[in-house]
Amino acid sequence: MKDVFQYIREQIKYLPLIVRMSKYNTKNNYQNFMLGRIWQYANPIIMATFYYVIFGFIFKRSLGATSVPYLPWMLVGLSIWGITNGTILQSLSSIIGQLNLSNTFRFPVSISPSITFVGNIIESLVILLVAAMVGVYNGYKPSIYWVQMIYYFFAIIVFTVSYSLLNATLTTIFRDYSQIVRSVSRIGMFISGVMMNLQSDFIPVFIRKLVLLNPFYYLIEGMRDSLFSQEWFYNKLPATLFFWTLTLFILLLGTHLFYKYQESFRDFL
């Protein structure tokens, strides 16, 4: 557990640096465009509009959404999938990319996944805001259930940053590992309930039960429950306990491997 506490202390201590580096990376990514950082807000809005036209008018609820209108239901999934899976994929080479810089400016390379996570927050929140607005338009007014979005956002932070640290560490040690993660992520969207309701009757029962073990599914459905006033998180106790047990295991394993091999990272490059 000492590795976990050391990791948490580093994230808290260097939080201002994490935010500054995230802003710098974002600015650097858009500096060659005439509209600059406007694209950071425009891209998710354009994507949301595209899905509104395709799925809101053409396919509507043909993919088996719940009683919630398909468009806001799907946008919530896209938002959570974007910030979780997007951070995980972008963080695969974060330790490798930040290693020299961390030695020059004297900051722990353990904050690299956190920098990536903070950089992805804006786009995901824009999509989530669009989903909330469409939901309100369809009659889903703000309610007390919205409070638990704080819980789910905290869960998103802990799981995503922990899993990103583990993947980044393994990628540094074994470079081919990143290709395994990328290959698995290609089907991840379909087994995480982003585009279709995986609890529909036309899906076999054993698959519906396996889906409940998917941490991405837990986060996506939890945010939907919050936004559309469907269920409290403590009513899903087995899924909640499994999610936090898995997340704690990932955090323990990730921090242990990171601090064990931290001094040897250069030898793997």
C-alpha atoms as a PDB file:
ATOM      1  CA  MET A   1       0.000   0.000   0.000  1.00  0.00           C
ATOM      2  CA  LYS A   2       2.952   2.350   0.467  1.00  0.00           C
ATOM      3  CA  ASP A   3       3.300   2.572  -3.319  1.00  0.00           C
ATOM      4  CA  VAL A   4      -0.337   3.637  -3.607  1.00  0.00           C
ATOM      5  CA  PHE A   5       0.078   6.358  -0.988  1.00  0.00           C
ATOM      6  CA  GLN A   6       3.259   7.601  -2.632  1.00  0.00           C
ATOM      7  CA  TYR A   7       1.462   7.731  -5.989  1.00  0.00           C
ATOM      8  CA  ILE A   8      -1.475   9.654  -4.539  1.00  0.00           C
ATOM      9  CA  ARG A   9       0.864  12.120  -2.800  1.00  0.00           C
ATOM     10  CA  GLU A  10       2.636  12.802  -6.087  1.00  0.00           C
ATOM     11  CA  GLN A  11      -0.636  13.442  -7.913  1.00  0.00           C
ATOM     12  CA  ILE A  12      -1.789  15.897  -5.246  1.00  0.00           C
ATOM     13  CA  LYS A  13       1.570  17.636  -4.894  1.00  0.00           C
ATOM     14  CA  TYR A  14       2.013  18.131  -8.627  1.00  0.00           C
ATOM     15  CA  LEU A  15      -1.643  18.854  -9.476  1.00  0.00           C
ATOM     16  CA  PRO A  16      -0.916  22.474 -10.526  1.00  0.00           C
ATOM     17  CA  LEU A  17       1.844  21.174 -12.823  1.00  0.00           C
ATOM     18  CA  ILE A  18      -0.502  18.518 -14.218  1.00  0.00           C
ATOM     19  CA  VAL A  19      -3.017  21.208 -15.143  1.00  0.00           C
ATOM     20  CA  ARG A  20      -0.378  23.493 -16.667  1.00  0.00           C
ATOM     21  CA  MET A  21       1.176  20.727 -18.753  1.00  0.00           C
ATOM     22  CA  SER A  22      -2.246  19.594 -19.893  1.00  0.00           C
ATOM     23  CA  LYS A  23      -3.051  23.128 -21.063  1.00  0.00           C
ATOM     24  CA  TYR A  24       0.315  23.360 -22.800  1.00  0.00           C
ATOM     25  CA  ASN A  25      -0.200  20.041 -24.618  1.00  0.00           C
ATOM     26  CA  THR A  26      -3.677  21.074 -25.708  1.00  0.00           C
ATOM     27  CA  LYS A  27      -2.453  24.443 -26.928  1.00  0.00           C
ATOM     28  CA  ASN A  28       0.413  22.755 -28.752  1.00  0.00           C
ATOM     29  CA  ASN A  29      -1.971  20.347 -30.484  1.00  0.00           C
ATOM     30  CA  TYR A  30      -4.085  23.174 -31.899  1.00  0.00           C
ATOM     31  CA  GLN A  31      -1.501  25.895 -32.478  1.00  0.00           C
ATOM     32  CA  ASN A  32      -1.157  25.180 -36.203  1.00  0.00           C
ATOM     33  CA  PHE A  33      -4.875  25.651 -36.836  1.00  0.00           C
ATOM     34  CA  MET A  34      -6.374  29.017 -37.690  1.00  0.00           C
ATOM     35  CA  LEU A  35      -9.212  28.599 -35.182  1.00  0.00           C
ATOM     36  CA  GLY A  36      -6.835  27.292 -32.542  1.00  0.00           C
ATOM     37  CA  ARG A  37      -8.390  25.886 -29.375  1.00  0.00           C
ATOM     38  CA  ILE A  38     -11.897  26.584 -30.668  1.00  0.00           C
ATOM     39  CA  TRP A  39     -11.600  23.132 -32.234  1.00  0.00           C
ATOM     40  CA  GLN A  40     -11.383  21.625 -28.753  1.00  0.00           C
ATOM     41  CA  TYR A  41     -15.012  22.633 -28.288  1.00  0.00           C
ATOM     42  CA  ALA A  42     -16.091  22.433 -31.914  1.00  0.00           C
ATOM     43  CA  ASN A  43     -14.984  18.829 -32.497  1.00  0.00           C
ATOM     44  CA  PRO A  44     -17.252  17.221 -29.865  1.00  0.00           C
ATOM     45  CA  ILE A  45     -20.150  19.489 -30.890  1.00  0.00           C
ATOM     46  CA  ILE A  46     -19.725  18.481 -34.543  1.00  0.00           C
ATOM     47  CA  MET A  47     -19.584  14.819 -33.549  1.00  0.00           C
ATOM     48  CA  ALA A  48     -22.667  15.183 -31.348  1.00  0.00           C
ATOM     49  CA  THR A  49     -24.521  16.866 -34.229  1.00  0.00           C
ATOM     50  CA  PHE A  50     -23.509  14.065 -36.592  1.00  0.00           C
ATOM     51  CA  TYR A  51     -24.824  11.398 -34.239  1.00  0.00           C
ATOM     52  CA  TYR A  52     -27.978  13.455 -33.686  1.00  0.00           C
ATOM     53  CA  VAL A  53     -28.733  13.363 -37.414  1.00  0.00           C
ATOM     54  CA  ILE A  54     -27.763   9.722 -37.937  1.00  0.00           C
ATOM     55  CA  PHE A  55     -29.173   8.130 -34.809  1.00  0.00           C
ATOM     56  CA  GLY A  56     -31.718  10.714 -33.694  1.00  0.00           C
ATOM     57  CA  PHE A  57     -33.575  10.850 -37.001  1.00  0.00           C
ATOM     58  CA  ILE A  58     -32.552   7.875 -39.128  1.00  0.00           C
ATOM     59  CA  PHE A  59     -32.065   4.903 -36.809  1.00  0.00           C
ATOM     60  CA  LYS A  60     -33.719   6.380 -33.726  1.00  0.00           C
ATOM     61  CA  ARG A  61     -33.918   3.586 -31.096  1.00  0.00           C
ATOM     62  CA  SER A  62     -33.304   0.642 -33.399  1.00  0.00           C
ATOM     63  CA  LEU A  63     -30.199  -0.419 -31.463  1.00  0.00           C
ATOM     64  CA  GLY A  64     -32.176  -1.340 -28.391  1.00  0.00           C
ATOM     65  CA  ALA A  65     -31.916   1.649 -26.091  1.00  0.00           C
ATOM     66  CA  THR A  66     -33.978   1.777 -22.913  1.00  0.00           C
ATOM     67  CA  SER A  67     -37.028   3.942 -22.280  1.00  0.00           C
ATOM     68  CA  VAL A  68     -34.661   6.928 -22.509  1.00  0.00           C
ATOM     69  CA  PRO A  69     -34.535   8.494 -25.998  1.00  0.00           C
ATOM     70  CA  TYR A  70     -31.681   6.967 -27.939  1.00  0.00           C
ATOM     71  CA  LEU A  71     -29.709  10.116 -28.752  1.00  0.00           C
ATOM     72  CA  PRO A  72     -28.965  11.437 -25.215  1.00  0.00           C
ATOM     73  CA  TRP A  73     -28.599   7.842 -24.010  1.00  0.00           C
ATOM     74  CA  MET A  74     -25.910   7.195 -26.618  1.00  0.00           C
ATOM     75  CA  LEU A  75     -24.155  10.555 -26.117  1.00  0.00           C
ATOM     76  CA  VAL A  76     -23.587   9.765 -22.435  1.00  0.00           C
ATOM     77  CA  GLY A  77     -21.902   6.541 -23.515  1.00  0.00           C
ATOM     78  CA  LEU A  78     -19.714   8.376 -26.010  1.00  0.00           C
ATOM     79  CA  SER A  79     -18.710  10.933 -23.390  1.00  0.00           C
ATOM     80  CA  ILE A  80     -17.620   8.396 -20.771  1.00  0.00           C
ATOM     81  CA  TRP A  81     -15.998   6.115 -23.340  1.00  0.00           C
ATOM     82  CA  GLY A  82     -14.080   9.069 -24.750  1.00  0.00           C
ATOM     83  CA  ILE A  83     -12.551  10.156 -21.456  1.00  0.00           C
ATOM     84  CA  THR A  84     -11.782   6.617 -20.224  1.00  0.00           C
ATOM     85  CA  ASN A  85     -10.657   4.734 -23.305  1.00  0.00           C
ATOM     86  CA  GLY A  86      -9.229   7.875 -24.910  1.00  0.00           C
ATOM     87  CA  THR A  87      -7.006   8.531 -21.892  1.00  0.00           C
ATOM     88  CA  ILE A  88      -5.929   4.902 -21.655  1.00  0.00           C
ATOM     89  CA  LEU A  89      -4.865   4.744 -25.302  1.00  0.00           C
ATOM     90  CA  GLN A  90      -3.110   8.114 -25.277  1.00  0.00           C
ATOM     91  CA  SER A  91      -1.294   7.220 -22.060  1.00  0.00           C
ATOM     92  CA  LEU A  92       0.268   4.041 -23.414  1.00  0.00           C
ATOM     93  CA  SER A  93       3.459   5.869 -24.392  1.00  0.00           C
ATOM     94  CA  SER A  94       3.167   8.680 -21.856  1.00  0.00           C
ATOM     95  CA  ILE A  95       6.007   7.463 -19.644  1.00  0.00           C
ATOM     96  CA  ILE A  96       8.277   6.998 -22.652  1.00  0.00           C
ATOM     97  CA  GLY A  97       7.372  10.450 -23.965  1.00  0.00           C
ATOM     98  CA  GLN A  98       7.791  12.277 -20.649  1.00  0.00           C
ATOM     99  CA  LEU A  99      10.871  10.468 -19.328  1.00  0.00           C
ATOM    100  CA  ASN A 100      13.497  12.922 -20.570  1.00  0.00           C
ATOM    101  CA  LEU A 101      11.333  15.928 -19.758  1.00  0.00           C
ATOM    102  CA  SER A 102      10.740  14.726 -16.198  1.00  0.00           C
ATOM    103  CA  ASN A 103      14.470  14.483 -15.561  1.00  0.00           C
ATOM    104  CA  THR A 104      15.056  17.973 -16.946  1.00  0.00           C
ATOM    105  CA  PHE A 105      12.292  19.727 -14.997  1.00  0.00           C
ATOM    106  CA  ARG A 106      12.380  17.484 -11.946  1.00  0.00           C
ATOM    107  CA  PHE A 107       8.868  16.095 -11.736  1.00  0.00           C
ATOM    108  CA  PRO A 108       7.808  12.450 -11.260  1.00  0.00           C
ATOM    109  CA  VAL A 109       6.928  10.670 -14.471  1.00  0.00           C
ATOM    110  CA  SER A 110       4.042   9.039 -12.586  1.00  0.00           C
ATOM    111  CA  ILE A 111       1.921  12.120 -13.327  1.00  0.00           C
ATOM    112  CA  SER A 112       2.040  11.478 -17.099  1.00  0.00           C
ATOM    113  CA  PRO A 113      -1.294   9.565 -17.300  1.00  0.00           C
ATOM    114  CA  SER A 114      -2.943  12.273 -15.165  1.00  0.00           C
ATOM    115  CA  ILE A 115      -1.799  14.943 -17.630  1.00  0.00           C
ATOM    116  CA  THR A 116      -3.477  13.020 -20.443  1.00  0.00           C
ATOM    117  CA  PHE A 117      -6.670  12.570 -18.420  1.00  0.00           C
ATOM    118  CA  VAL A 118      -7.001  16.278 -17.641  1.00  0.00           C
ATOM    119  CA  GLY A 119      -6.455  17.072 -21.306  1.00  0.00           C
ATOM    120  CA  ASN A 120      -9.448  14.919 -22.291  1.00  0.00           C
ATOM    121  CA  ILE A 121     -11.895  16.358 -19.772  1.00  0.00           C
ATOM    122  CA  ILE A 122     -13.153  19.293 -21.866  1.00  0.00           C
ATOM    123  CA  GLU A 123     -14.240  17.328 -24.923  1.00  0.00           C
ATOM    124  CA  SER A 124     -15.997  14.680 -22.842  1.00  0.00           C
ATOM    125  CA  LEU A 125     -17.789  17.266 -20.705  1.00  0.00           C
ATOM    126  CA  VAL A 126     -18.998  19.056 -23.834  1.00  0.00           C
ATOM    127  CA  ILE A 127     -20.582  15.847 -25.118  1.00  0.00           C
ATOM    128  CA  LEU A 128     -22.060  15.141 -21.670  1.00  0.00           C
ATOM    129  CA  LEU A 129     -23.512  18.657 -21.578  1.00  0.00           C
ATOM    130  CA  VAL A 130     -25.117  18.125 -24.988  1.00  0.00           C
ATOM    131  CA  ALA A 131     -26.565  14.835 -23.717  1.00  0.00           C
ATOM    132  CA  ALA A 132     -28.002  16.608 -20.660  1.00  0.00           C
ATOM    133  CA  MET A 133     -29.518  19.353 -22.814  1.00  0.00           C
ATOM    134  CA  VAL A 134     -31.145  16.846 -25.164  1.00  0.00           C
ATOM    135  CA  GLY A 135     -32.374  14.888 -22.147  1.00  0.00           C
ATOM    136  CA  VAL A 136     -33.943  17.997 -20.625  1.00  0.00           C
ATOM    137  CA  TYR A 137     -35.579  18.737 -23.988  1.00  0.00           C
ATOM    138  CA  ASN A 138     -37.099  15.251 -23.851  1.00  0.00           C
ATOM    139  CA  GLY A 139     -38.464  15.773 -20.343  1.00  0.00           C
ATOM    140  CA  TYR A 140     -35.617  14.544 -18.131  1.00  0.00           C
ATOM    141  CA  LYS A 141     -35.301  17.521 -15.805  1.00  0.00           C
ATOM    142  CA  PRO A 142     -32.460  17.950 -13.285  1.00  0.00           C
ATOM    143  CA  SER A 143     -33.146  15.867 -10.169  1.00  0.00           C
ATOM    144  CA  ILE A 144     -31.531  14.690  -6.954  1.00  0.00           C
ATOM    145  CA  TYR A 145     -30.054  11.778  -8.927  1.00  0.00           C
ATOM    146  CA  TRP A 146     -27.679  14.235 -10.594  1.00  0.00           C
ATOM    147  CA  VAL A 147     -25.774  14.466  -7.305  1.00  0.00           C
ATOM    148  CA  GLN A 148     -24.370  10.972  -7.769  1.00  0.00           C
ATOM    149  CA  MET A 149     -22.621  12.106 -10.943  1.00  0.00           C
ATOM    150  CA  ILE A 150     -19.967  13.332  -8.489  1.00  0.00           C
ATOM    151  CA  TYR A 151     -19.504   9.749  -7.302  1.00  0.00           C
ATOM    152  CA  TYR A 152     -19.279   8.364 -10.824  1.00  0.00           C
ATOM    153  CA  PHE A 153     -16.872  11.068 -11.947  1.00  0.00           C
ATOM    154  CA  PHE A 154     -14.651  10.213  -8.981  1.00  0.00           C
ATOM    155  CA  ALA A 155     -14.863   6.543 -10.003  1.00  0.00           C
ATOM    156  CA  ILE A 156     -13.926   7.510 -13.567  1.00  0.00           C
ATOM    157  CA  ILE A 157     -10.847   9.387 -12.339  1.00  0.00           C
ATOM    158  CA  VAL A 158      -9.593   6.580 -10.079  1.00  0.00           C
ATOM    159  CA  PHE A 159     -10.182   3.778 -12.572  1.00  0.00           C
ATOM    160  CA  THR A 160      -8.901   5.604 -15.650  1.00  0.00           C
ATOM    161  CA  VAL A 161      -5.736   7.000 -14.088  1.00  0.00           C
ATOM    162  CA  SER A 162      -4.947   3.685 -12.354  1.00  0.00           C
ATOM    163  CA  TYR A 163      -5.470   1.624 -15.495  1.00  0.00           C
ATOM    164  CA  SER A 164      -3.522   4.159 -17.569  1.00  0.00           C
ATOM    165  CA  LEU A 165      -0.554   3.971 -15.179  1.00  0.00           C
ATOM    166  CA  LEU A 166      -0.552   0.161 -15.357  1.00  0.00           C
ATOM    167  CA  ASN A 167      -0.726   0.158 -19.166  1.00  0.00           C
ATOM    168  CA  ALA A 168       1.922   2.865 -19.516  1.00  0.00           C
ATOM    169  CA  THR A 169       4.271   0.936 -17.218  1.00  0.00           C
ATOM    170  CA  LEU A 170       3.764  -2.352 -19.068  1.00  0.00           C
ATOM    171  CA  THR A 171       4.213  -0.598 -22.413  1.00  0.00           C
ATOM    172  CA  THR A 172       7.548   0.820 -21.256  1.00  0.00           C
ATOM    173  CA  ILE A 173       8.721  -2.624 -20.148  1.00  0.00           C
ATOM    174  CA  PHE A 174       7.244  -4.544 -23.086  1.00  0.00           C
ATOM    175  CA  ARG A 175       6.622  -2.323 -26.103  1.00  0.00           C
ATOM    176  CA  ASP A 176       4.349  -4.813 -27.900  1.00  0.00           C
ATOM    177  CA  TYR A 177       1.857  -4.582 -25.037  1.00  0.00           C
ATOM    178  CA  SER A 178       0.494  -1.340 -26.476  1.00  0.00           C
ATOM    179  CA  GLN A 179      -0.624  -3.158 -29.628  1.00  0.00           C
ATOM    180  CA  ILE A 180      -2.529  -5.675 -27.526  1.00  0.00           C
ATOM    181  CA  VAL A 181      -4.385  -2.878 -25.727  1.00  0.00           C
ATOM    182  CA  ARG A 182      -5.179  -1.088 -28.999  1.00  0.00           C
ATOM    183  CA  SER A 183      -6.494  -4.288 -30.550  1.00  0.00           C
ATOM    184  CA  VAL A 184      -8.762  -5.020 -27.588  1.00  0.00           C
ATOM    185  CA  SER A 185     -10.022  -1.424 -27.497  1.00  0.00           C
ATOM    186  CA  ARG A 186     -11.341  -1.744 -31.055  1.00  0.00           C
ATOM    187  CA  ILE A 187     -14.121  -3.998 -29.801  1.00  0.00           C
ATOM    188  CA  GLY A 188     -14.342  -2.320 -26.420  1.00  0.00           C
ATOM    189  CA  MET A 189     -16.970   0.173 -27.537  1.00  0.00           C
ATOM    190  CA  PHE A 190     -19.328  -2.639 -28.513  1.00  0.00           C
ATOM    191  CA  ILE A 191     -18.956  -4.611 -25.269  1.00  0.00           C
ATOM    192  CA  SER A 192     -19.243  -1.546 -23.043  1.00  0.00           C
ATOM    193  CA  GLY A 193     -22.767  -0.524 -23.990  1.00  0.00           C
ATOM    194  CA  VAL A 194     -21.826   2.712 -25.729  1.00  0.00           C
ATOM    195  CA  MET A 195     -23.939   2.237 -28.852  1.00  0.00           C
ATOM    196  CA  MET A 196     -26.457  -0.412 -27.859  1.00  0.00           C
ATOM    197  CA  ASN A 197     -28.299  -1.645 -24.792  1.00  0.00           C
ATOM    198  CA  LEU A 198     -26.489  -4.799 -23.712  1.00  0.00           C
ATOM    199  CA  GLN A 199     -29.314  -5.755 -21.352  1.00  0.00           C
ATOM    200  CA  SER A 200     -31.851  -6.101 -24.181  1.00  0.00           C
ATOM    201  CA  ASP A 201     -33.860  -9.312 -24.361  1.00  0.00           C
ATOM    202  CA  PHE A 202     -32.392 -10.286 -27.741  1.00  0.00           C
ATOM    203  CA  ILE A 203     -28.935 -10.662 -26.141  1.00  0.00           C
ATOM    204  CA  PRO A 204     -28.229 -14.084 -24.509  1.00  0.00           C
ATOM    205  CA  VAL A 205     -28.514 -14.142 -20.718  1.00  0.00           C
ATOM    206  CA  PHE A 206     -24.921 -15.291 -20.109  1.00  0.00           C
ATOM    207  CA  ILE A 207     -23.606 -12.344 -22.146  1.00  0.00           C
ATOM    208  CA  ARG A 208     -25.771  -9.930 -20.173  1.00  0.00           C
ATOM    209  CA  LYS A 209     -24.264 -11.278 -16.957  1.00  0.00           C
ATOM    210  CA  LEU A 210     -20.692 -11.059 -18.268  1.00  0.00           C
ATOM    211  CA  VAL A 211     -21.257  -7.454 -19.337  1.00  0.00           C
ATOM    212  CA  LEU A 212     -21.890  -6.526 -15.697  1.00  0.00           C
ATOM    213  CA  LEU A 213     -18.224  -7.345 -14.981  1.00  0.00           C
ATOM    214  CA  ASN A 214     -17.024  -4.720 -17.456  1.00  0.00           C
ATOM    215  CA  PRO A 215     -15.833  -1.622 -15.528  1.00  0.00           C
ATOM    216  CA  PHE A 216     -16.455   0.614 -18.552  1.00  0.00           C
ATOM    217  CA  TYR A 217     -20.057  -0.582 -18.653  1.00  0.00           C
ATOM    218  CA  TYR A 218     -20.441   0.140 -14.934  1.00  0.00           C
ATOM    219  CA  LEU A 219     -19.285   3.739 -15.384  1.00  0.00           C
ATOM    220  CA  ILE A 220     -21.334   4.385 -18.516  1.00  0.00           C
ATOM    221  CA  GLU A 221     -24.555   2.934 -17.124  1.00  0.00           C
ATOM    222  CA  GLY A 222     -23.988   4.673 -13.810  1.00  0.00           C
ATOM    223  CA  MET A 223     -23.736   8.061 -15.455  1.00  0.00           C
ATOM    224  CA  ARG A 224     -26.878   7.298 -17.453  1.00  0.00           C
ATOM    225  CA  ASP A 225     -28.707   6.324 -14.265  1.00  0.00           C
ATOM    226  CA  SER A 226     -27.659   9.636 -12.724  1.00  0.00           C
ATOM    227  CA  LEU A 227     -28.528  11.850 -15.655  1.00  0.00           C
ATOM    228  CA  PHE A 228     -31.857  10.218 -16.435  1.00  0.00           C
ATOM    229  CA  SER A 229     -32.967   9.638 -12.816  1.00  0.00           C
ATOM    230  CA  GLN A 230     -33.139   5.864 -12.976  1.00  0.00           C
ATOM    231  CA  GLU A 231     -31.246   4.260 -10.098  1.00  0.00           C
ATOM    232  CA  TRP A 232     -28.919   4.990  -7.161  1.00  0.00           C
ATOM    233  CA  PHE A 233     -25.452   3.454  -7.248  1.00  0.00           C
ATOM    234  CA  TYR A 234     -25.921   1.662  -3.910  1.00  0.00           C
ATOM    235  CA  ASN A 235     -28.798  -0.316  -5.399  1.00  0.00           C
ATOM    236  CA  LYS A 236     -26.222  -2.073  -7.603  1.00  0.00           C
ATOM    237  CA  LEU A 237     -24.121  -3.315  -4.695  1.00  0.00           C
ATOM    238  CA  PRO A 238     -22.612  -6.463  -6.327  1.00  0.00           C
ATOM    239  CA  ALA A 239     -21.508  -4.513  -9.410  1.00  0.00           C
ATOM    240  CA  THR A 240     -20.202  -1.660  -7.244  1.00  0.00           C
ATOM    241  CA  LEU A 241     -18.178  -3.979  -5.018  1.00  0.00           C
ATOM    242  CA  PHE A 242     -16.717  -5.773  -8.032  1.00  0.00           C
ATOM    243  CA  PHE A 243     -15.811  -2.486  -9.727  1.00  0.00           C
ATOM    244  CA  TRP A 244     -13.955  -1.106  -6.702  1.00  0.00           C
ATOM    245  CA  THR A 245     -12.243  -4.430  -5.987  1.00  0.00           C
ATOM    246  CA  LEU A 246     -10.992  -4.558  -9.571  1.00  0.00           C
ATOM    247  CA  THR A 247      -9.981  -0.892  -9.526  1.00  0.00           C
ATOM    248  CA  LEU A 248      -8.064  -1.303  -6.262  1.00  0.00           C
ATOM    249  CA  PHE A 249      -6.277  -4.351  -7.663  1.00  0.00           C
ATOM    250  CA  ILE A 250      -5.304  -2.412 -10.815  1.00  0.00           C
ATOM    251  CA  LEU A 251      -4.089   0.498  -8.675  1.00  0.00           C
ATOM    252  CA  LEU A 252      -2.020  -1.779  -6.431  1.00  0.00           C
ATOM    253  CA  LEU A 253      -0.512  -3.665  -9.359  1.00  0.00           C
ATOM    254  CA  GLY A 254       0.124  -0.520 -11.407  1.00  0.00           C
ATOM    255  CA  THR A 255       1.861   1.392  -8.626  1.00  0.00           C
ATOM    256  CA  HIS A 256       3.869  -1.659  -7.567  1.00  0.00           C
ATOM    257  CA  LEU A 257       5.201  -2.280 -11.082  1.00  0.00           C
ATOM    258  CA  PHE A 258       5.817   1.419 -11.693  1.00  0.00           C
ATOM    259  CA  TYR A 259       7.950   2.023  -8.607  1.00  0.00           C
ATOM    260  CA  LYS A 260       9.670  -1.355  -8.958  1.00  0.00           C
ATOM    261  CA  TYR A 261      10.901  -0.602 -12.489  1.00  0.00           C
ATOM    262  CA  GLN A 262      11.045   3.187 -12.301  1.00  0.00           C
ATOM    263  CA  GLU A 263      14.839   3.305 -12.104  1.00  0.00           C
ATOM    264  CA  SER A 264      15.139   0.861 -15.006  1.00  0.00           C
ATOM    265  CA  PHE A 265      12.841   2.579 -17.491  1.00  0.00           C
ATOM    266  CA  ARG A 266      15.750   3.967 -19.507  1.00  0.00           C
ATOM    267  CA  ASP A 267      17.141   0.466 -19.936  1.00  0.00           C
ATOM    268  CA  PHE A 268      13.963  -0.547 -21.767  1.00  0.00           C
ATOM    269  CA  LEU A 269      14.109   2.354 -24.244  1.00  0.00           C
END
